[in-house]
N, C-alpha and C. Protein backbone atom coordinates (compact mmCIF):
# COMPACT_ATOMS: atom_id res chain seq x y z
N MET A 1 34.52 -38.79 -55.03
CA MET A 1 33.63 -39.88 -54.67
C MET A 1 33.55 -39.98 -53.15
N ASP A 2 32.39 -40.30 -52.63
CA ASP A 2 32.19 -40.33 -51.19
C ASP A 2 32.95 -41.48 -50.54
N GLN A 3 32.51 -42.70 -50.82
CA GLN A 3 33.13 -43.86 -50.21
C GLN A 3 33.10 -44.99 -51.22
N TYR A 4 34.24 -45.58 -51.47
CA TYR A 4 34.32 -46.65 -52.45
C TYR A 4 35.41 -47.60 -52.02
N HIS A 5 35.07 -48.86 -51.87
CA HIS A 5 36.05 -49.88 -51.53
C HIS A 5 35.96 -50.98 -52.56
N GLU A 6 37.07 -51.21 -53.26
CA GLU A 6 37.10 -52.28 -54.25
C GLU A 6 37.41 -53.58 -53.54
N SER A 7 36.78 -54.67 -53.97
CA SER A 7 37.00 -55.95 -53.31
C SER A 7 38.37 -56.48 -53.68
N THR A 8 39.11 -56.97 -52.68
CA THR A 8 40.43 -57.56 -52.91
C THR A 8 40.35 -59.03 -52.56
N LEU A 9 39.90 -59.82 -53.52
CA LEU A 9 39.71 -61.24 -53.27
C LEU A 9 41.02 -62.01 -53.42
N LYS A 10 41.91 -61.55 -54.30
CA LYS A 10 43.16 -62.26 -54.55
C LYS A 10 44.33 -61.48 -53.98
N LYS A 11 45.49 -62.10 -54.03
CA LYS A 11 46.69 -61.44 -53.54
C LYS A 11 47.04 -60.25 -54.42
N VAL A 12 47.82 -59.35 -53.88
CA VAL A 12 48.21 -58.15 -54.61
C VAL A 12 49.14 -58.50 -55.76
N SER A 13 50.05 -59.45 -55.55
CA SER A 13 50.99 -59.83 -56.60
C SER A 13 50.73 -61.27 -57.03
N SER A 14 51.17 -61.58 -58.22
CA SER A 14 51.04 -62.96 -58.70
C SER A 14 52.17 -63.79 -58.12
N GLY A 15 52.16 -65.06 -58.36
CA GLY A 15 53.17 -65.95 -57.80
C GLY A 15 54.56 -65.67 -58.31
N THR A 16 54.68 -65.09 -59.50
CA THR A 16 55.99 -64.82 -60.09
C THR A 16 56.57 -63.49 -59.64
N GLY A 17 55.79 -62.68 -58.96
CA GLY A 17 56.29 -61.40 -58.49
C GLY A 17 55.72 -60.22 -59.26
N GLY A 18 55.03 -60.49 -60.37
CA GLY A 18 54.44 -59.40 -61.15
C GLY A 18 53.20 -58.84 -60.45
N MET A 19 53.02 -57.54 -60.52
CA MET A 19 51.88 -56.91 -59.86
C MET A 19 50.60 -57.15 -60.65
N ARG A 20 49.48 -57.27 -59.93
CA ARG A 20 48.18 -57.43 -60.58
C ARG A 20 47.63 -56.06 -60.95
N ARG A 21 46.96 -55.99 -62.07
CA ARG A 21 46.33 -54.76 -62.51
C ARG A 21 44.84 -54.81 -62.19
N LYS A 22 44.25 -53.66 -61.91
CA LYS A 22 42.82 -53.67 -61.59
C LYS A 22 42.00 -53.94 -62.85
N GLY A 23 40.89 -54.66 -62.67
CA GLY A 23 40.09 -55.11 -63.81
C GLY A 23 39.21 -54.03 -64.40
N ARG A 24 38.78 -53.06 -63.59
CA ARG A 24 37.91 -52.00 -64.08
C ARG A 24 38.08 -50.76 -63.22
N ASP A 25 37.52 -49.67 -63.68
CA ASP A 25 37.64 -48.41 -62.97
C ASP A 25 36.50 -48.26 -61.98
N LYS A 26 36.57 -47.21 -61.14
CA LYS A 26 35.51 -46.94 -60.17
C LYS A 26 34.25 -46.48 -60.89
N LYS A 27 33.10 -46.87 -60.35
CA LYS A 27 31.82 -46.47 -60.93
C LYS A 27 30.99 -45.76 -59.87
N LYS A 28 30.21 -44.79 -60.31
CA LYS A 28 29.40 -44.02 -59.37
C LYS A 28 28.33 -44.89 -58.71
N SER A 29 27.88 -45.95 -59.40
CA SER A 29 26.85 -46.82 -58.83
C SER A 29 27.38 -47.66 -57.69
N HIS A 30 28.70 -47.70 -57.49
CA HIS A 30 29.28 -48.49 -56.40
C HIS A 30 29.45 -47.70 -55.11
N ILE A 31 29.12 -46.42 -55.14
CA ILE A 31 29.26 -45.58 -53.95
C ILE A 31 28.16 -45.92 -52.95
N GLY A 32 28.51 -46.05 -51.71
CA GLY A 32 27.53 -46.29 -50.67
C GLY A 32 26.84 -44.99 -50.26
N GLY A 33 25.70 -45.10 -49.59
CA GLY A 33 24.98 -43.93 -49.15
C GLY A 33 25.49 -43.43 -47.81
N VAL A 34 25.02 -42.29 -47.40
CA VAL A 34 25.39 -41.70 -46.12
C VAL A 34 24.54 -42.34 -45.03
N PHE A 35 25.14 -42.62 -43.87
CA PHE A 35 24.44 -43.23 -42.74
C PHE A 35 23.34 -42.30 -42.25
N THR A 36 22.12 -42.81 -42.09
CA THR A 36 20.97 -42.00 -41.75
C THR A 36 20.97 -41.55 -40.29
N SER A 37 21.45 -42.39 -39.40
CA SER A 37 21.50 -42.15 -37.94
C SER A 37 20.14 -41.73 -37.39
N THR A 38 19.19 -42.66 -37.42
CA THR A 38 17.85 -42.44 -36.88
C THR A 38 17.92 -42.32 -35.36
N ARG A 39 17.33 -41.27 -34.82
CA ARG A 39 17.38 -41.02 -33.38
C ARG A 39 15.99 -41.09 -32.75
N VAL A 40 15.96 -41.27 -31.44
CA VAL A 40 14.71 -41.26 -30.68
C VAL A 40 14.31 -39.80 -30.48
N ALA A 41 13.03 -39.49 -30.78
CA ALA A 41 12.54 -38.11 -30.63
C ALA A 41 11.06 -38.14 -30.30
N ALA A 42 10.51 -36.96 -29.98
CA ALA A 42 9.09 -36.86 -29.64
C ALA A 42 8.21 -36.88 -30.88
N GLU A 43 8.70 -36.35 -32.01
CA GLU A 43 7.92 -36.33 -33.25
C GLU A 43 8.67 -37.05 -34.35
N GLU A 44 7.90 -37.68 -35.25
CA GLU A 44 8.50 -38.42 -36.36
C GLU A 44 8.94 -37.46 -37.46
N ARG A 45 10.10 -37.73 -38.07
CA ARG A 45 10.57 -36.93 -39.19
C ARG A 45 11.16 -37.86 -40.25
N LYS A 46 10.69 -37.71 -41.50
CA LYS A 46 11.17 -38.54 -42.60
C LYS A 46 11.72 -37.66 -43.70
N GLU A 47 12.64 -38.23 -44.49
CA GLU A 47 13.17 -37.58 -45.67
C GLU A 47 12.96 -38.50 -46.85
N THR A 48 12.61 -37.94 -48.01
CA THR A 48 12.48 -38.74 -49.22
C THR A 48 13.76 -38.57 -50.02
N LYS A 49 14.37 -39.70 -50.38
CA LYS A 49 15.63 -39.68 -51.12
C LYS A 49 15.42 -40.34 -52.46
N ARG A 50 15.93 -39.72 -53.53
CA ARG A 50 15.84 -40.30 -54.86
C ARG A 50 16.91 -41.37 -54.99
N MET A 51 16.46 -42.55 -55.44
CA MET A 51 17.38 -43.67 -55.59
C MET A 51 17.64 -43.92 -57.07
N ARG A 52 18.41 -44.94 -57.35
CA ARG A 52 18.77 -45.27 -58.73
C ARG A 52 17.52 -45.69 -59.50
N GLY A 53 17.39 -45.21 -60.72
CA GLY A 53 16.25 -45.54 -61.55
C GLY A 53 15.05 -44.64 -61.30
N GLY A 54 15.23 -43.57 -60.52
CA GLY A 54 14.14 -42.65 -60.24
C GLY A 54 13.23 -43.11 -59.12
N ASN A 55 13.55 -44.21 -58.46
CA ASN A 55 12.74 -44.68 -57.34
C ASN A 55 12.96 -43.79 -56.12
N ALA A 56 12.02 -43.81 -55.20
CA ALA A 56 12.12 -43.00 -53.99
C ALA A 56 12.16 -43.91 -52.77
N ARG A 57 12.91 -43.47 -51.76
CA ARG A 57 13.00 -44.23 -50.52
C ARG A 57 12.83 -43.27 -49.36
N ASN A 58 12.00 -43.67 -48.40
CA ASN A 58 11.78 -42.85 -47.21
C ASN A 58 12.85 -43.18 -46.18
N ARG A 59 13.57 -42.15 -45.76
CA ARG A 59 14.59 -42.33 -44.72
C ARG A 59 14.05 -41.75 -43.43
N LEU A 60 14.05 -42.55 -42.39
CA LEU A 60 13.53 -42.12 -41.08
C LEU A 60 14.64 -41.44 -40.31
N LYS A 61 14.46 -40.16 -39.99
CA LYS A 61 15.47 -39.39 -39.27
C LYS A 61 15.19 -39.36 -37.76
N ARG A 62 13.91 -39.26 -37.38
CA ARG A 62 13.51 -39.24 -35.97
C ARG A 62 12.36 -40.21 -35.78
N ALA A 63 12.39 -41.01 -34.72
CA ALA A 63 11.38 -42.05 -34.49
C ALA A 63 10.86 -42.00 -33.06
N PRO A 64 9.55 -41.79 -32.87
CA PRO A 64 9.00 -41.84 -31.51
C PRO A 64 8.41 -43.21 -31.15
N PHE A 65 8.03 -44.02 -32.19
CA PHE A 65 7.33 -45.28 -31.93
C PHE A 65 8.03 -46.45 -32.62
N VAL A 66 7.75 -47.66 -32.11
CA VAL A 66 8.23 -48.90 -32.71
C VAL A 66 7.04 -49.86 -32.84
N ASN A 67 6.97 -50.58 -33.94
CA ASN A 67 5.96 -51.62 -34.13
C ASN A 67 6.50 -52.92 -33.53
N VAL A 68 5.84 -53.41 -32.48
CA VAL A 68 6.32 -54.58 -31.75
C VAL A 68 5.45 -55.78 -32.08
N ILE A 69 6.09 -56.89 -32.44
CA ILE A 69 5.37 -58.15 -32.70
C ILE A 69 5.32 -58.94 -31.39
N ILE A 70 4.10 -59.17 -30.89
CA ILE A 70 3.90 -59.95 -29.67
C ILE A 70 2.91 -61.05 -29.98
N GLU A 71 3.38 -62.29 -29.95
CA GLU A 71 2.53 -63.47 -30.19
C GLU A 71 1.77 -63.35 -31.50
N GLY A 72 2.44 -62.92 -32.55
CA GLY A 72 1.83 -62.84 -33.87
C GLY A 72 0.99 -61.59 -34.12
N LYS A 73 0.87 -60.72 -33.14
CA LYS A 73 0.11 -59.49 -33.31
C LYS A 73 1.03 -58.29 -33.16
N CYS A 74 0.69 -57.21 -33.88
CA CYS A 74 1.52 -56.01 -33.89
C CYS A 74 0.92 -54.94 -32.97
N LYS A 75 1.78 -54.38 -32.11
CA LYS A 75 1.36 -53.28 -31.24
C LYS A 75 2.35 -52.13 -31.40
N LYS A 76 1.83 -50.92 -31.30
CA LYS A 76 2.65 -49.72 -31.42
C LYS A 76 3.05 -49.28 -30.02
N ALA A 77 4.36 -49.11 -29.78
CA ALA A 77 4.84 -48.73 -28.45
C ALA A 77 5.74 -47.51 -28.55
N LYS A 78 5.69 -46.68 -27.52
CA LYS A 78 6.52 -45.47 -27.47
C LYS A 78 7.94 -45.85 -27.04
N ILE A 79 8.94 -45.32 -27.77
CA ILE A 79 10.35 -45.58 -27.45
C ILE A 79 10.79 -44.57 -26.38
N THR A 80 11.44 -45.09 -25.32
CA THR A 80 11.98 -44.20 -24.30
C THR A 80 13.47 -43.98 -24.48
N ALA A 81 14.23 -45.04 -24.82
CA ALA A 81 15.68 -44.89 -24.99
C ALA A 81 16.26 -46.12 -25.68
N VAL A 82 17.48 -45.97 -26.19
CA VAL A 82 18.26 -47.09 -26.74
C VAL A 82 19.19 -47.55 -25.63
N THR A 83 19.09 -48.84 -25.24
CA THR A 83 19.92 -49.33 -24.14
C THR A 83 21.15 -50.07 -24.62
N GLU A 84 21.03 -50.85 -25.70
CA GLU A 84 22.19 -51.61 -26.21
C GLU A 84 22.26 -51.43 -27.71
N SER A 85 23.49 -51.43 -28.23
CA SER A 85 23.72 -51.36 -29.66
C SER A 85 25.08 -51.98 -29.93
N HIS A 86 25.38 -52.27 -31.20
CA HIS A 86 26.69 -52.83 -31.53
C HIS A 86 27.79 -51.81 -31.30
N ASN A 87 27.41 -50.54 -31.30
CA ASN A 87 28.35 -49.45 -31.03
C ASN A 87 27.90 -48.75 -29.75
N PRO A 88 28.71 -48.72 -28.70
CA PRO A 88 28.28 -48.10 -27.45
C PRO A 88 27.98 -46.60 -27.57
N HIS A 89 28.62 -45.94 -28.53
CA HIS A 89 28.34 -44.51 -28.74
C HIS A 89 26.92 -44.31 -29.28
N TYR A 90 26.44 -45.26 -30.09
CA TYR A 90 25.07 -45.17 -30.62
C TYR A 90 24.05 -45.28 -29.49
N ALA A 91 24.30 -46.16 -28.54
CA ALA A 91 23.38 -46.31 -27.41
C ALA A 91 23.34 -45.03 -26.58
N ARG A 92 24.48 -44.41 -26.39
CA ARG A 92 24.55 -43.18 -25.61
C ARG A 92 23.86 -42.02 -26.33
N GLN A 93 23.94 -42.00 -27.67
CA GLN A 93 23.34 -40.91 -28.44
C GLN A 93 21.92 -41.22 -28.90
N ASN A 94 21.36 -42.36 -28.49
CA ASN A 94 20.00 -42.79 -28.86
C ASN A 94 19.84 -42.94 -30.37
N ILE A 95 20.83 -43.54 -31.04
CA ILE A 95 20.75 -43.83 -32.47
C ILE A 95 20.27 -45.26 -32.65
N ILE A 96 19.20 -45.44 -33.45
CA ILE A 96 18.57 -46.75 -33.63
C ILE A 96 19.16 -47.42 -34.87
N THR A 97 19.65 -48.65 -34.70
CA THR A 97 20.14 -49.46 -35.81
C THR A 97 19.54 -50.85 -35.71
N LYS A 98 19.75 -51.68 -36.74
CA LYS A 98 19.26 -53.06 -36.71
C LYS A 98 19.99 -53.81 -35.59
N GLY A 99 19.23 -54.54 -34.78
CA GLY A 99 19.80 -55.30 -33.68
C GLY A 99 19.89 -54.55 -32.38
N ALA A 100 19.59 -53.26 -32.37
CA ALA A 100 19.66 -52.47 -31.15
C ALA A 100 18.51 -52.85 -30.21
N ILE A 101 18.76 -52.75 -28.91
CA ILE A 101 17.75 -53.03 -27.89
C ILE A 101 17.18 -51.69 -27.42
N LEU A 102 15.84 -51.55 -27.51
CA LEU A 102 15.16 -50.32 -27.13
C LEU A 102 14.36 -50.53 -25.86
N ASN A 103 14.30 -49.51 -25.02
CA ASN A 103 13.39 -49.50 -23.89
C ASN A 103 12.08 -48.88 -24.37
N THR A 104 10.97 -49.60 -24.17
CA THR A 104 9.66 -49.09 -24.55
C THR A 104 8.71 -49.24 -23.38
N GLU A 105 7.49 -48.75 -23.57
CA GLU A 105 6.48 -48.89 -22.51
C GLU A 105 6.00 -50.33 -22.38
N LEU A 106 6.25 -51.18 -23.40
CA LEU A 106 5.88 -52.60 -23.32
C LEU A 106 7.01 -53.47 -22.78
N GLY A 107 8.22 -52.93 -22.71
CA GLY A 107 9.39 -53.69 -22.27
C GLY A 107 10.55 -53.49 -23.24
N ARG A 108 11.52 -54.43 -23.16
CA ARG A 108 12.69 -54.33 -24.04
C ARG A 108 12.38 -54.93 -25.41
N VAL A 109 12.75 -54.21 -26.46
CA VAL A 109 12.44 -54.61 -27.84
C VAL A 109 13.72 -54.61 -28.65
N ARG A 110 13.94 -55.67 -29.47
CA ARG A 110 15.08 -55.74 -30.38
C ARG A 110 14.63 -55.34 -31.77
N VAL A 111 15.35 -54.42 -32.40
CA VAL A 111 15.01 -53.93 -33.74
C VAL A 111 15.38 -54.98 -34.77
N THR A 112 14.44 -55.28 -35.68
CA THR A 112 14.64 -56.35 -36.65
C THR A 112 14.81 -55.86 -38.08
N ASN A 113 14.69 -54.57 -38.32
CA ASN A 113 14.81 -54.07 -39.70
C ASN A 113 15.85 -52.97 -39.76
N ARG A 114 16.20 -52.59 -41.00
CA ARG A 114 17.15 -51.50 -41.22
C ARG A 114 16.35 -50.20 -41.24
N VAL A 115 16.38 -49.50 -40.13
CA VAL A 115 15.48 -48.38 -39.87
C VAL A 115 15.66 -47.24 -40.87
N GLY A 116 16.88 -46.85 -41.14
CA GLY A 116 17.14 -45.73 -42.01
C GLY A 116 16.73 -45.98 -43.45
N GLN A 117 16.64 -47.24 -43.85
CA GLN A 117 16.29 -47.57 -45.22
C GLN A 117 14.82 -47.94 -45.38
N ASP A 118 14.17 -48.40 -44.31
CA ASP A 118 12.78 -48.84 -44.41
C ASP A 118 11.78 -47.73 -44.08
N GLY A 119 12.17 -46.75 -43.31
CA GLY A 119 11.28 -45.65 -42.96
C GLY A 119 10.34 -45.96 -41.82
N VAL A 120 10.56 -47.07 -41.12
CA VAL A 120 9.73 -47.46 -39.97
C VAL A 120 10.59 -48.32 -39.05
N VAL A 121 10.25 -48.34 -37.75
CA VAL A 121 10.98 -49.15 -36.78
C VAL A 121 10.13 -50.37 -36.45
N ASN A 122 10.64 -51.57 -36.72
CA ASN A 122 9.97 -52.82 -36.37
C ASN A 122 10.84 -53.58 -35.38
N GLY A 123 10.21 -54.34 -34.49
CA GLY A 123 10.98 -55.10 -33.51
C GLY A 123 10.17 -56.19 -32.86
N ILE A 124 10.89 -57.03 -32.09
CA ILE A 124 10.24 -58.10 -31.34
C ILE A 124 10.58 -57.94 -29.86
N LEU A 125 9.68 -58.41 -29.04
CA LEU A 125 9.85 -58.29 -27.59
C LEU A 125 10.95 -59.24 -27.10
N VAL A 126 11.85 -58.75 -26.27
CA VAL A 126 12.92 -59.56 -25.70
C VAL A 126 12.48 -60.01 -24.32
N LYS A 127 12.59 -61.30 -24.07
CA LYS A 127 12.16 -61.84 -22.77
C LYS A 127 13.29 -61.86 -21.77
């Protein structure tokens, strides 16, 4: 299994000292997906991934543009670089995540969606 973490809401042992037993076994549906790591690039690149139930999801691998909301209207802006992120290594490697601050031709933009799962980069202008 790739990655699986069972929730530990209660203590490991009961009050009397007896150990708690797990309630169920691991399930394949509980495995998380692999991090997409969307990067800034000159050309857009997407991957289609099969999801549970036969549904498809577009994963954005490379992103040249961001949809910026300015005063209720949407404008498309070219991304130049990632300046801030929750992980400093992501900013250095130009990896786009939710909440990251991007440098664009319109100014600084904060990403408002989960880029790797939505297949598009959306953001709002930071003043």
